[in-house]
Amino acid sequence: MYAGCEVVDRTETLAAGHARALFGADFAYVQPHSGIDANLVAYWAILARRVEAPYLADAGVDHVNGLSAQAWADLRLRLGSQRMLGMSLDAGGHLTHGFRPNISGKMFDQASYGVDPETGLIDYDAVAKLAAEFRPLILVAGYSAYPRLIDFARMAEIADGVGATLMVDITHFAGLVAGKVLRSSDNVGDHPH
């Protein structure tokens, strides 16, 4: 879906072929650790803390294995019926923010926020209104192709206002954060990179 990925796809296909031959396997997963994996782990951590842990506490058990078959089925339904709000793909969001082709879209009921068509900037009041209507468990801030800094403080206020967990996906700008080009004090307001 992104320019240059065909090179990665060819490389992964070649590596998977070598791995299948080496191990005599029908299938091989050779994708390196990526933001996709990191987001999935973050989603599960949020689900475990916000949905699973309270359910186990209410059931009086320490582990999912202590649940009856009916309680386990109920918990699985609860885990699979949570909501996520993230940036739309056409505004620069990412597939892992709840879109159907990705596993996150199969895990969550998803809604998207976009950008103001006139300015191309996130309309935080519109995000707040949508969050109040949609009531997500997770509000995702972050992107793959949005050429501005996000006002993370404002996104945190929006998440807090609806009882959501703010998850910031920094995959596409993690190097800038690690290299201290982007600092937390910079991440306020929509300014050009």
C-alpha atoms as a PDB file:
ATOM      1  CA  MET A   1       0.000   0.000   0.000  1.00  0.00           C
ATOM      2  CA  TYR A   2       3.016   2.312   0.374  1.00  0.00           C
ATOM      3  CA  ALA A   3       5.699   3.273  -2.131  1.00  0.00           C
ATOM      4  CA  GLY A   4       8.744   1.019  -1.913  1.00  0.00           C
ATOM      5  CA  CYS A   5       6.965  -1.830  -0.141  1.00  0.00           C
ATOM      6  CA  GLU A   6       7.219  -4.009  -3.251  1.00  0.00           C
ATOM      7  CA  VAL A   7      10.979  -4.226  -2.568  1.00  0.00           C
ATOM      8  CA  VAL A   8      10.313  -5.297   1.009  1.00  0.00           C
ATOM      9  CA  ASP A   9       7.704  -7.790  -0.205  1.00  0.00           C
ATOM     10  CA  ARG A  10      10.194  -9.353  -2.665  1.00  0.00           C
ATOM     11  CA  THR A  11      12.860  -9.547   0.032  1.00  0.00           C
ATOM     12  CA  GLU A  12      10.473 -11.137   2.527  1.00  0.00           C
ATOM     13  CA  THR A  13       9.237 -13.607  -0.099  1.00  0.00           C
ATOM     14  CA  LEU A  14      12.823 -14.628  -0.890  1.00  0.00           C
ATOM     15  CA  ALA A  15      13.690 -14.924   2.818  1.00  0.00           C
ATOM     16  CA  ALA A  16      10.526 -16.930   3.512  1.00  0.00           C
ATOM     17  CA  GLY A  17      11.446 -19.304   0.683  1.00  0.00           C
ATOM     18  CA  HIS A  18      14.913 -19.829   2.144  1.00  0.00           C
ATOM     19  CA  ALA A  19      13.454 -20.369   5.622  1.00  0.00           C
ATOM     20  CA  ARG A  20      10.916 -22.900   4.318  1.00  0.00           C
ATOM     21  CA  ALA A  21      13.674 -24.804   2.523  1.00  0.00           C
ATOM     22  CA  LEU A  22      16.021 -24.641   5.515  1.00  0.00           C
ATOM     23  CA  PHE A  23      13.441 -25.906   7.985  1.00  0.00           C
ATOM     24  CA  GLY A  24      11.438 -28.113   5.625  1.00  0.00           C
ATOM     25  CA  ALA A  25       8.325 -26.126   6.514  1.00  0.00           C
ATOM     26  CA  ASP A  26       5.251 -25.240   4.517  1.00  0.00           C
ATOM     27  CA  PHE A  27       5.174 -21.733   5.967  1.00  0.00           C
ATOM     28  CA  ALA A  28       7.672 -19.244   7.402  1.00  0.00           C
ATOM     29  CA  TYR A  29       7.285 -15.806   8.955  1.00  0.00           C
ATOM     30  CA  VAL A  30      10.317 -13.652   8.341  1.00  0.00           C
ATOM     31  CA  GLN A  31       8.962 -10.140   8.736  1.00  0.00           C
ATOM     32  CA  PRO A  32      11.224  -8.208  11.067  1.00  0.00           C
ATOM     33  CA  HIS A  33       9.845  -6.670  14.208  1.00  0.00           C
ATOM     34  CA  SER A  34       7.890  -3.635  13.167  1.00  0.00           C
ATOM     35  CA  GLY A  35       5.405  -1.049  14.283  1.00  0.00           C
ATOM     36  CA  ILE A  36       2.653  -3.472  13.310  1.00  0.00           C
ATOM     37  CA  ASP A  37       3.853  -5.945  15.922  1.00  0.00           C
ATOM     38  CA  ALA A  38       4.410  -3.202  18.476  1.00  0.00           C
ATOM     39  CA  ASN A  39       0.880  -1.834  17.971  1.00  0.00           C
ATOM     40  CA  LEU A  40      -0.629  -5.295  18.345  1.00  0.00           C
ATOM     41  CA  VAL A  41       1.222  -5.818  21.624  1.00  0.00           C
ATOM     42  CA  ALA A  42       0.070  -2.395  22.836  1.00  0.00           C
ATOM     43  CA  TYR A  43      -3.550  -3.185  21.966  1.00  0.00           C
ATOM     44  CA  TRP A  44      -3.401  -6.477  23.838  1.00  0.00           C
ATOM     45  CA  ALA A  45      -1.814  -4.777  26.839  1.00  0.00           C
ATOM     46  CA  ILE A  46      -4.650  -2.230  26.915  1.00  0.00           C
ATOM     47  CA  LEU A  47      -7.275  -4.959  26.543  1.00  0.00           C
ATOM     48  CA  ALA A  48      -5.628  -6.976  29.317  1.00  0.00           C
ATOM     49  CA  ARG A  49      -5.567  -4.017  31.697  1.00  0.00           C
ATOM     50  CA  ARG A  50      -8.887  -2.389  30.841  1.00  0.00           C
ATOM     51  CA  VAL A  51     -11.084  -5.410  30.048  1.00  0.00           C
ATOM     52  CA  GLU A  52      -9.537  -8.696  31.174  1.00  0.00           C
ATOM     53  CA  ALA A  53      -8.122  -7.710  34.584  1.00  0.00           C
ATOM     54  CA  PRO A  54     -11.357  -6.118  35.860  1.00  0.00           C
ATOM     55  CA  TYR A  55     -13.370  -9.091  34.584  1.00  0.00           C
ATOM     56  CA  LEU A  56     -11.094 -11.548  36.389  1.00  0.00           C
ATOM     57  CA  ALA A  57     -11.270  -9.469  39.573  1.00  0.00           C
ATOM     58  CA  ASP A  58     -15.079  -9.407  39.408  1.00  0.00           C
ATOM     59  CA  ALA A  59     -15.103 -13.171  38.829  1.00  0.00           C
ATOM     60  CA  GLY A  60     -12.792 -13.691  41.822  1.00  0.00           C
ATOM     61  CA  VAL A  61     -10.103 -15.516  39.844  1.00  0.00           C
ATOM     62  CA  ASP A  62      -6.452 -14.716  39.191  1.00  0.00           C
ATOM     63  CA  HIS A  63      -6.136 -16.217  35.721  1.00  0.00           C
ATOM     64  CA  VAL A  64      -8.318 -16.896  32.687  1.00  0.00           C
ATOM     65  CA  ASN A  65      -7.912 -20.619  33.352  1.00  0.00           C
ATOM     66  CA  GLY A  66      -9.979 -20.126  36.508  1.00  0.00           C
ATOM     67  CA  LEU A  67     -13.026 -19.044  34.512  1.00  0.00           C
ATOM     68  CA  SER A  68     -15.910 -21.353  33.691  1.00  0.00           C
ATOM     69  CA  ALA A  69     -16.541 -22.093  30.017  1.00  0.00           C
ATOM     70  CA  GLN A  70     -19.442 -19.618  30.022  1.00  0.00           C
ATOM     71  CA  ALA A  71     -17.416 -16.879  31.740  1.00  0.00           C
ATOM     72  CA  TRP A  72     -14.545 -17.432  29.305  1.00  0.00           C
ATOM     73  CA  ALA A  73     -16.953 -17.102  26.372  1.00  0.00           C
ATOM     74  CA  ASP A  74     -18.336 -13.901  27.907  1.00  0.00           C
ATOM     75  CA  LEU A  75     -14.853 -12.429  28.398  1.00  0.00           C
ATOM     76  CA  ARG A  76     -13.898 -13.276  24.821  1.00  0.00           C
ATOM     77  CA  LEU A  77     -16.992 -11.429  23.589  1.00  0.00           C
ATOM     78  CA  ARG A  78     -16.092  -8.425  25.713  1.00  0.00           C
ATOM     79  CA  LEU A  79     -12.513  -8.422  24.413  1.00  0.00           C
ATOM     80  CA  GLY A  80     -13.790  -8.559  20.845  1.00  0.00           C
ATOM     81  CA  SER A  81     -16.401  -5.833  21.160  1.00  0.00           C
ATOM     82  CA  GLN A  82     -14.214  -2.882  22.087  1.00  0.00           C
ATOM     83  CA  ARG A  83     -13.890   0.325  20.093  1.00  0.00           C
ATOM     84  CA  MET A  84     -10.911   2.177  18.674  1.00  0.00           C
ATOM     85  CA  LEU A  85     -10.697   5.672  17.186  1.00  0.00           C
ATOM     86  CA  GLY A  86      -7.755   6.492  14.921  1.00  0.00           C
ATOM     87  CA  MET A  87      -6.734   8.723  12.046  1.00  0.00           C
ATOM     88  CA  SER A  88      -8.286   7.853   8.680  1.00  0.00           C
ATOM     89  CA  LEU A  89      -6.041   6.370   6.025  1.00  0.00           C
ATOM     90  CA  ASP A  90      -6.676   9.212   3.593  1.00  0.00           C
ATOM     91  CA  ALA A  91      -5.574  11.722   6.247  1.00  0.00           C
ATOM     92  CA  GLY A  92      -2.322   9.836   6.895  1.00  0.00           C
ATOM     93  CA  GLY A  93      -3.354   7.148   9.379  1.00  0.00           C
ATOM     94  CA  HIS A  94      -2.133   3.560   9.379  1.00  0.00           C
ATOM     95  CA  LEU A  95      -3.748   0.189   8.654  1.00  0.00           C
ATOM     96  CA  THR A  96      -2.954  -0.966  12.197  1.00  0.00           C
ATOM     97  CA  HIS A  97      -5.287   1.669  13.618  1.00  0.00           C
ATOM     98  CA  GLY A  98      -8.340  -0.542  13.279  1.00  0.00           C
ATOM     99  CA  PHE A  99      -8.826  -0.945   9.547  1.00  0.00           C
ATOM    100  CA  ARG A 100     -10.480  -4.099   8.243  1.00  0.00           C
ATOM    101  CA  PRO A 101      -7.558  -5.481   6.174  1.00  0.00           C
ATOM    102  CA  ASN A 102      -5.418  -5.510   9.342  1.00  0.00           C
ATOM    103  CA  ILE A 103      -5.895  -7.750  12.388  1.00  0.00           C
ATOM    104  CA  SER A 104      -6.680  -4.623  14.417  1.00  0.00           C
ATOM    105  CA  GLY A 105      -9.790  -4.151  12.281  1.00  0.00           C
ATOM    106  CA  LYS A 106     -10.874  -7.657  13.157  1.00  0.00           C
ATOM    107  CA  MET A 107     -10.241  -6.999  16.858  1.00  0.00           C
ATOM    108  CA  PHE A 108     -11.955  -3.619  17.206  1.00  0.00           C
ATOM    109  CA  ASP A 109     -15.016  -1.713  16.101  1.00  0.00           C
ATOM    110  CA  GLN A 110     -13.234   1.257  14.544  1.00  0.00           C
ATOM    111  CA  ALA A 111     -14.070   4.843  13.656  1.00  0.00           C
ATOM    112  CA  SER A 112     -11.781   7.408  12.044  1.00  0.00           C
ATOM    113  CA  TYR A 113     -11.024  11.057  12.496  1.00  0.00           C
ATOM    114  CA  GLY A 114      -9.625  13.061   9.625  1.00  0.00           C
ATOM    115  CA  VAL A 115      -8.256  16.481   8.914  1.00  0.00           C
ATOM    116  CA  ASP A 116      -9.911  19.779   8.127  1.00  0.00           C
ATOM    117  CA  PRO A 117     -10.288  19.858   4.326  1.00  0.00           C
ATOM    118  CA  GLU A 118      -9.304  23.534   4.198  1.00  0.00           C
ATOM    119  CA  THR A 119      -6.192  23.452   6.386  1.00  0.00           C
ATOM    120  CA  GLY A 120      -5.136  19.795   6.193  1.00  0.00           C
ATOM    121  CA  LEU A 121      -4.725  19.894   9.988  1.00  0.00           C
ATOM    122  CA  ILE A 122      -6.355  17.717  12.625  1.00  0.00           C
ATOM    123  CA  ASP A 123      -9.512  19.393  13.906  1.00  0.00           C
ATOM    124  CA  TYR A 124      -9.220  18.540  17.607  1.00  0.00           C
ATOM    125  CA  ASP A 125     -12.726  19.802  18.373  1.00  0.00           C
ATOM    126  CA  ALA A 126     -14.093  17.417  15.731  1.00  0.00           C
ATOM    127  CA  VAL A 127     -12.012  14.575  17.222  1.00  0.00           C
ATOM    128  CA  ALA A 128     -13.407  15.376  20.678  1.00  0.00           C
ATOM    129  CA  LYS A 129     -16.967  15.396  19.344  1.00  0.00           C
ATOM    130  CA  LEU A 130     -16.495  12.078  17.534  1.00  0.00           C
ATOM    131  CA  ALA A 131     -14.858  10.520  20.608  1.00  0.00           C
ATOM    132  CA  ALA A 132     -17.787  11.649  22.773  1.00  0.00           C
ATOM    133  CA  GLU A 133     -20.231  10.045  20.339  1.00  0.00           C
ATOM    134  CA  PHE A 134     -18.269   6.855  19.586  1.00  0.00           C
ATOM    135  CA  ARG A 135     -16.873   6.233  23.112  1.00  0.00           C
ATOM    136  CA  PRO A 136     -13.723   4.278  22.162  1.00  0.00           C
ATOM    137  CA  LEU A 137     -11.672   2.223  24.594  1.00  0.00           C
ATOM    138  CA  ILE A 138      -8.561   3.342  22.672  1.00  0.00           C
ATOM    139  CA  LEU A 139      -7.803   6.666  21.013  1.00  0.00           C
ATOM    140  CA  VAL A 140      -4.849   6.274  18.656  1.00  0.00           C
ATOM    141  CA  ALA A 141      -2.632   9.249  17.914  1.00  0.00           C
ATOM    142  CA  GLY A 142       0.105   8.747  15.368  1.00  0.00           C
ATOM    143  CA  TYR A 143       0.321   8.253  11.660  1.00  0.00           C
ATOM    144  CA  SER A 144       2.229   6.969   8.705  1.00  0.00           C
ATOM    145  CA  ALA A 145       1.862  10.021   6.457  1.00  0.00           C
ATOM    146  CA  TYR A 146       0.751  13.192   8.271  1.00  0.00           C
ATOM    147  CA  PRO A 147       3.349  15.958   7.798  1.00  0.00           C
ATOM    148  CA  ARG A 148       2.663  17.719  11.087  1.00  0.00           C
ATOM    149  CA  LEU A 149       3.273  17.264  14.766  1.00  0.00           C
ATOM    150  CA  ILE A 150       0.248  16.097  16.701  1.00  0.00           C
ATOM    151  CA  ASP A 151      -0.856  17.981  19.788  1.00  0.00           C
ATOM    152  CA  PHE A 152      -0.510  14.952  22.058  1.00  0.00           C
ATOM    153  CA  ALA A 153      -1.553  16.930  25.132  1.00  0.00           C
ATOM    154  CA  ARG A 154      -4.853  17.764  23.442  1.00  0.00           C
ATOM    155  CA  MET A 155      -5.298  14.139  22.349  1.00  0.00           C
ATOM    156  CA  ALA A 156      -4.699  13.056  25.962  1.00  0.00           C
ATOM    157  CA  GLU A 157      -7.386  15.498  27.122  1.00  0.00           C
ATOM    158  CA  ILE A 158      -9.809  14.051  24.569  1.00  0.00           C
ATOM    159  CA  ALA A 159      -9.024  10.488  25.643  1.00  0.00           C
ATOM    160  CA  ASP A 160      -9.385  11.357  29.325  1.00  0.00           C
ATOM    161  CA  GLY A 161     -12.691  13.089  28.616  1.00  0.00           C
ATOM    162  CA  VAL A 162     -14.254   9.886  27.298  1.00  0.00           C
ATOM    163  CA  GLY A 163     -12.429   7.381  29.510  1.00  0.00           C
ATOM    164  CA  ALA A 164     -10.284   6.103  26.638  1.00  0.00           C
ATOM    165  CA  THR A 165      -6.662   5.032  26.747  1.00  0.00           C
ATOM    166  CA  LEU A 166      -4.480   7.201  24.512  1.00  0.00           C
ATOM    167  CA  MET A 167      -2.080   5.041  22.516  1.00  0.00           C
ATOM    168  CA  VAL A 168       0.543   6.941  20.565  1.00  0.00           C
ATOM    169  CA  ASP A 169       1.954   5.114  17.564  1.00  0.00           C
ATOM    170  CA  ILE A 170       5.366   6.686  16.946  1.00  0.00           C
ATOM    171  CA  THR A 171       6.548   4.025  14.505  1.00  0.00           C
ATOM    172  CA  HIS A 172       7.012   6.391  11.594  1.00  0.00           C
ATOM    173  CA  PHE A 173       8.799   9.061  13.596  1.00  0.00           C
ATOM    174  CA  ALA A 174      10.453   6.985  16.347  1.00  0.00           C
ATOM    175  CA  GLY A 175      13.897   7.730  14.949  1.00  0.00           C
ATOM    176  CA  LEU A 176      13.236  11.443  15.316  1.00  0.00           C
ATOM    177  CA  VAL A 177      12.158  10.893  18.916  1.00  0.00           C
ATOM    178  CA  ALA A 178      15.146   8.615  19.682  1.00  0.00           C
ATOM    179  CA  GLY A 179      17.498  11.117  18.055  1.00  0.00           C
ATOM    180  CA  LYS A 180      15.944  13.891  20.141  1.00  0.00           C
ATOM    181  CA  VAL A 181      14.930  15.813  17.026  1.00  0.00           C
ATOM    182  CA  LEU A 182      11.365  15.625  18.345  1.00  0.00           C
ATOM    183  CA  ARG A 183      11.040  16.112  22.075  1.00  0.00           C
ATOM    184  CA  SER A 184       7.934  15.976  24.236  1.00  0.00           C
ATOM    185  CA  SER A 185       8.052  19.765  24.573  1.00  0.00           C
ATOM    186  CA  ASP A 186       7.839  20.023  20.763  1.00  0.00           C
ATOM    187  CA  ASN A 187       4.776  17.831  20.456  1.00  0.00           C
ATOM    188  CA  VAL A 188       2.213  20.539  20.974  1.00  0.00           C
ATOM    189  CA  GLY A 189       0.295  21.965  18.081  1.00  0.00           C
ATOM    190  CA  ASP A 190       0.243  21.258  14.385  1.00  0.00           C
ATOM    191  CA  HIS A 191       3.568  22.583  13.136  1.00  0.00           C
ATOM    192  CA  PRO A 192       5.322  21.513   9.949  1.00  0.00           C
ATOM    193  CA  HIS A 193       8.167  19.026  10.505  1.00  0.00           C
END
